[in-house]
């Protein structure tokens, strides 16, 4: 048994990139409330100051959105809202629906470009699959609510 352990350690010394401790260690740690609460307070203060100083609203809200998106602040805020009993999960689901509609709209725009370039048969297949996926999501949502 000791010989096998020695052989294994000798092999792992030859290949240091296959260290199991490094593979098991989590790579991403979500930010804690000690980071997110001051971040959201500073973002709200930034928006309020921008409003009262009459800064360009598109610039202020765009910068706030980018910072919140890059710091996972939007997902953290959605998680906090979802913690509210009964109403919280419904609010998060309602906020997530426009994202699906946005994906569908982007698909239509891409379809128009592809049809103009002569890929009409591929577009029909793609749109059929997309519509089937969206119908499946909606039916799954409705069945999940009623069952």
C-alpha atoms as a PDB file:
ATOM      1  CA  UNK A   1       0.000   0.000   0.000  1.00  0.00           C
ATOM      2  CA  UNK A   2       2.850   2.366   0.832  1.00  0.00           C
ATOM      3  CA  UNK A   3       4.421   1.652  -2.558  1.00  0.00           C
ATOM      4  CA  UNK A   4       1.257   2.724  -4.387  1.00  0.00           C
ATOM      5  CA  UNK A   5       1.091   5.933  -2.375  1.00  0.00           C
ATOM      6  CA  UNK A   6       4.741   6.667  -3.155  1.00  0.00           C
ATOM      7  CA  UNK A   7       4.152   6.005  -6.863  1.00  0.00           C
ATOM      8  CA  UNK A   8       1.098   8.269  -6.834  1.00  0.00           C
ATOM      9  CA  UNK A   9       3.012  11.090  -5.151  1.00  0.00           C
ATOM     10  CA  UNK A  10       5.887  10.655  -7.602  1.00  0.00           C
ATOM     11  CA  UNK A  11       3.464  10.938 -10.524  1.00  0.00           C
ATOM     12  CA  UNK A  12       1.762  14.002  -9.038  1.00  0.00           C
ATOM     13  CA  UNK A  13       5.176  15.635  -8.580  1.00  0.00           C
ATOM     14  CA  UNK A  14       5.806  15.146 -12.308  1.00  0.00           C
ATOM     15  CA  UNK A  15       2.471  16.758 -13.192  1.00  0.00           C
ATOM     16  CA  UNK A  16       1.838  19.616 -10.751  1.00  0.00           C
ATOM     17  CA  UNK A  17      -1.068  20.944 -12.859  1.00  0.00           C
ATOM     18  CA  UNK A  18      -3.200  17.969 -11.751  1.00  0.00           C
ATOM     19  CA  UNK A  19      -3.325  18.918  -8.099  1.00  0.00           C
ATOM     20  CA  UNK A  20      -6.676  17.674  -6.774  1.00  0.00           C
ATOM     21  CA  UNK A  21      -6.739  20.222  -3.961  1.00  0.00           C
ATOM     22  CA  UNK A  22      -6.695  23.012  -6.538  1.00  0.00           C
ATOM     23  CA  UNK A  23      -9.449  21.349  -8.556  1.00  0.00           C
ATOM     24  CA  UNK A  24     -11.754  20.957  -5.559  1.00  0.00           C
ATOM     25  CA  UNK A  25     -11.227  24.477  -4.236  1.00  0.00           C
ATOM     26  CA  UNK A  26     -14.110  26.781  -5.245  1.00  0.00           C
ATOM     27  CA  UNK A  27     -13.040  29.370  -7.793  1.00  0.00           C
ATOM     28  CA  UNK A  28     -15.846  31.891  -7.383  1.00  0.00           C
ATOM     29  CA  UNK A  29     -17.157  33.110  -4.082  1.00  0.00           C
ATOM     30  CA  UNK A  30     -20.263  35.275  -4.291  1.00  0.00           C
ATOM     31  CA  UNK A  31     -19.950  38.622  -2.550  1.00  0.00           C
ATOM     32  CA  UNK A  32     -21.380  38.836   0.934  1.00  0.00           C
ATOM     33  CA  UNK A  33     -23.797  41.375   2.295  1.00  0.00           C
ATOM     34  CA  UNK A  34     -20.833  43.281   3.722  1.00  0.00           C
ATOM     35  CA  UNK A  35     -19.900  44.169   0.154  1.00  0.00           C
ATOM     36  CA  UNK A  36     -23.316  44.389  -1.486  1.00  0.00           C
ATOM     37  CA  UNK A  37     -25.127  46.640   0.985  1.00  0.00           C
ATOM     38  CA  UNK A  38     -22.517  49.444   0.753  1.00  0.00           C
ATOM     39  CA  UNK A  39     -22.412  48.948  -3.027  1.00  0.00           C
ATOM     40  CA  UNK A  40     -26.160  49.431  -3.367  1.00  0.00           C
ATOM     41  CA  UNK A  41     -26.134  52.384  -0.965  1.00  0.00           C
ATOM     42  CA  UNK A  42     -23.394  54.045  -3.027  1.00  0.00           C
ATOM     43  CA  UNK A  43     -25.276  53.338  -6.282  1.00  0.00           C
ATOM     44  CA  UNK A  44     -28.457  54.897  -4.895  1.00  0.00           C
ATOM     45  CA  UNK A  45     -26.497  57.924  -3.667  1.00  0.00           C
ATOM     46  CA  UNK A  46     -24.879  58.231  -7.107  1.00  0.00           C
ATOM     47  CA  UNK A  47     -28.298  58.243  -8.819  1.00  0.00           C
ATOM     48  CA  UNK A  48     -29.748  60.778  -6.346  1.00  0.00           C
ATOM     49  CA  UNK A  49     -26.747  63.106  -6.700  1.00  0.00           C
ATOM     50  CA  UNK A  50     -26.951  62.795 -10.482  1.00  0.00           C
ATOM     51  CA  UNK A  51     -30.636  63.693 -10.387  1.00  0.00           C
ATOM     52  CA  UNK A  52     -30.184  66.775  -8.210  1.00  0.00           C
ATOM     53  CA  UNK A  53     -27.110  68.000 -10.107  1.00  0.00           C
ATOM     54  CA  UNK A  54     -28.928  67.501 -13.449  1.00  0.00           C
ATOM     55  CA  UNK A  55     -26.319  65.148 -14.895  1.00  0.00           C
ATOM     56  CA  UNK A  56     -27.150  63.267 -18.068  1.00  0.00           C
ATOM     57  CA  UNK A  57     -29.679  60.657 -16.959  1.00  0.00           C
ATOM     58  CA  UNK A  58     -28.641  58.111 -19.584  1.00  0.00           C
ATOM     59  CA  UNK A  59     -25.042  58.304 -18.419  1.00  0.00           C
ATOM     60  CA  UNK A  60     -25.896  58.017 -14.721  1.00  0.00           C
ATOM     61  CA  UNK A  61     -28.300  55.106 -15.103  1.00  0.00           C
ATOM     62  CA  UNK A  62     -26.088  53.379 -17.662  1.00  0.00           C
ATOM     63  CA  UNK A  63     -23.073  53.596 -15.362  1.00  0.00           C
ATOM     64  CA  UNK A  64     -25.106  52.393 -12.412  1.00  0.00           C
ATOM     65  CA  UNK A  65     -26.447  49.468 -14.423  1.00  0.00           C
ATOM     66  CA  UNK A  66     -22.988  48.440 -15.644  1.00  0.00           C
ATOM     67  CA  UNK A  67     -21.520  48.578 -12.131  1.00  0.00           C
ATOM     68  CA  UNK A  68     -24.449  46.600 -10.702  1.00  0.00           C
ATOM     69  CA  UNK A  69     -24.205  44.045 -13.495  1.00  0.00           C
ATOM     70  CA  UNK A  70     -20.447  43.543 -13.204  1.00  0.00           C
ATOM     71  CA  UNK A  71     -20.569  43.203  -9.425  1.00  0.00           C
ATOM     72  CA  UNK A  72     -23.505  40.724  -9.481  1.00  0.00           C
ATOM     73  CA  UNK A  73     -25.505  43.334  -7.622  1.00  0.00           C
ATOM     74  CA  UNK A  74     -28.626  42.745  -9.707  1.00  0.00           C
ATOM     75  CA  UNK A  75     -28.657  39.026  -8.939  1.00  0.00           C
ATOM     76  CA  UNK A  76     -28.037  39.765  -5.247  1.00  0.00           C
ATOM     77  CA  UNK A  77     -30.925  42.259  -5.171  1.00  0.00           C
ATOM     78  CA  UNK A  78     -33.206  39.737  -6.921  1.00  0.00           C
ATOM     79  CA  UNK A  79     -32.231  37.161  -4.301  1.00  0.00           C
ATOM     80  CA  UNK A  80     -33.044  39.584  -1.478  1.00  0.00           C
ATOM     81  CA  UNK A  81     -36.426  40.365  -3.064  1.00  0.00           C
ATOM     82  CA  UNK A  82     -37.107  36.626  -3.475  1.00  0.00           C
ATOM     83  CA  UNK A  83     -36.614  36.128   0.273  1.00  0.00           C
ATOM     84  CA  UNK A  84     -39.851  38.019   1.007  1.00  0.00           C
ATOM     85  CA  UNK A  85     -42.517  35.371   1.647  1.00  0.00           C
ATOM     86  CA  UNK A  86     -45.260  34.848  -0.977  1.00  0.00           C
ATOM     87  CA  UNK A  87     -44.803  38.117  -2.917  1.00  0.00           C
ATOM     88  CA  UNK A  88     -41.024  37.996  -3.387  1.00  0.00           C
ATOM     89  CA  UNK A  89     -40.781  35.001  -5.734  1.00  0.00           C
ATOM     90  CA  UNK A  90     -43.670  36.350  -7.813  1.00  0.00           C
ATOM     91  CA  UNK A  91     -41.947  39.720  -8.214  1.00  0.00           C
ATOM     92  CA  UNK A  92     -38.712  38.057  -9.330  1.00  0.00           C
ATOM     93  CA  UNK A  93     -40.574  35.873 -11.846  1.00  0.00           C
ATOM     94  CA  UNK A  94     -42.382  38.901 -13.268  1.00  0.00           C
ATOM     95  CA  UNK A  95     -39.074  40.754 -13.608  1.00  0.00           C
ATOM     96  CA  UNK A  96     -37.523  37.763 -15.423  1.00  0.00           C
ATOM     97  CA  UNK A  97     -40.263  37.459 -18.081  1.00  0.00           C
ATOM     98  CA  UNK A  98     -39.156  40.484 -20.169  1.00  0.00           C
ATOM     99  CA  UNK A  99     -35.751  38.826 -20.562  1.00  0.00           C
ATOM    100  CA  UNK A 100     -37.410  35.905 -22.369  1.00  0.00           C
ATOM    101  CA  UNK A 101     -39.329  38.366 -24.552  1.00  0.00           C
ATOM    102  CA  UNK A 102     -36.075  40.184 -25.320  1.00  0.00           C
ATOM    103  CA  UNK A 103     -34.458  36.921 -26.413  1.00  0.00           C
ATOM    104  CA  UNK A 104     -37.424  36.245 -28.689  1.00  0.00           C
ATOM    105  CA  UNK A 105     -37.215  39.734 -30.214  1.00  0.00           C
ATOM    106  CA  UNK A 106     -33.485  39.336 -30.873  1.00  0.00           C
ATOM    107  CA  UNK A 107     -34.295  36.036 -32.581  1.00  0.00           C
ATOM    108  CA  UNK A 108     -36.751  37.798 -34.902  1.00  0.00           C
ATOM    109  CA  UNK A 109     -34.187  40.438 -35.857  1.00  0.00           C
ATOM    110  CA  UNK A 110     -31.557  37.789 -36.566  1.00  0.00           C
ATOM    111  CA  UNK A 111     -34.139  35.878 -38.605  1.00  0.00           C
ATOM    112  CA  UNK A 112     -34.816  38.902 -40.806  1.00  0.00           C
ATOM    113  CA  UNK A 113     -31.109  39.357 -41.497  1.00  0.00           C
ATOM    114  CA  UNK A 114     -30.668  35.655 -42.248  1.00  0.00           C
ATOM    115  CA  UNK A 115     -33.667  35.563 -44.618  1.00  0.00           C
ATOM    116  CA  UNK A 116     -32.272  38.496 -46.576  1.00  0.00           C
ATOM    117  CA  UNK A 117     -28.971  36.641 -46.944  1.00  0.00           C
ATOM    118  CA  UNK A 118     -30.671  33.506 -48.280  1.00  0.00           C
ATOM    119  CA  UNK A 119     -30.844  31.203 -45.270  1.00  0.00           C
ATOM    120  CA  UNK A 120     -34.637  30.909 -45.235  1.00  0.00           C
ATOM    121  CA  UNK A 121     -34.817  27.114 -44.706  1.00  0.00           C
ATOM    122  CA  UNK A 122     -32.410  27.275 -41.754  1.00  0.00           C
ATOM    123  CA  UNK A 123     -34.358  30.187 -40.308  1.00  0.00           C
ATOM    124  CA  UNK A 124     -37.609  28.235 -40.438  1.00  0.00           C
ATOM    125  CA  UNK A 125     -36.011  25.365 -38.545  1.00  0.00           C
ATOM    126  CA  UNK A 126     -34.470  27.728 -35.995  1.00  0.00           C
ATOM    127  CA  UNK A 127     -37.678  29.701 -35.446  1.00  0.00           C
ATOM    128  CA  UNK A 128     -39.690  26.504 -35.088  1.00  0.00           C
ATOM    129  CA  UNK A 129     -37.346  25.266 -32.396  1.00  0.00           C
ATOM    130  CA  UNK A 130     -37.390  28.647 -30.649  1.00  0.00           C
ATOM    131  CA  UNK A 131     -41.179  28.837 -30.630  1.00  0.00           C
ATOM    132  CA  UNK A 132     -41.382  25.246 -29.365  1.00  0.00           C
ATOM    133  CA  UNK A 133     -38.952  26.126 -26.564  1.00  0.00           C
ATOM    134  CA  UNK A 134     -40.909  29.223 -25.539  1.00  0.00           C
ATOM    135  CA  UNK A 135     -44.227  27.358 -25.646  1.00  0.00           C
ATOM    136  CA  UNK A 136     -42.648  24.619 -23.527  1.00  0.00           C
ATOM    137  CA  UNK A 137     -41.418  27.170 -20.971  1.00  0.00           C
ATOM    138  CA  UNK A 138     -44.847  28.797 -20.738  1.00  0.00           C
ATOM    139  CA  UNK A 139     -46.677  25.454 -20.480  1.00  0.00           C
ATOM    140  CA  UNK A 140     -44.231  24.240 -17.845  1.00  0.00           C
ATOM    141  CA  UNK A 141     -44.731  27.419 -15.876  1.00  0.00           C
ATOM    142  CA  UNK A 142     -48.522  27.130 -16.060  1.00  0.00           C
ATOM    143  CA  UNK A 143     -48.539  23.424 -15.185  1.00  0.00           C
ATOM    144  CA  UNK A 144     -46.215  24.103 -12.295  1.00  0.00           C
ATOM    145  CA  UNK A 145     -48.563  26.749 -10.945  1.00  0.00           C
ATOM    146  CA  UNK A 146     -51.742  24.684 -11.277  1.00  0.00           C
ATOM    147  CA  UNK A 147     -50.456  21.268 -10.194  1.00  0.00           C
END
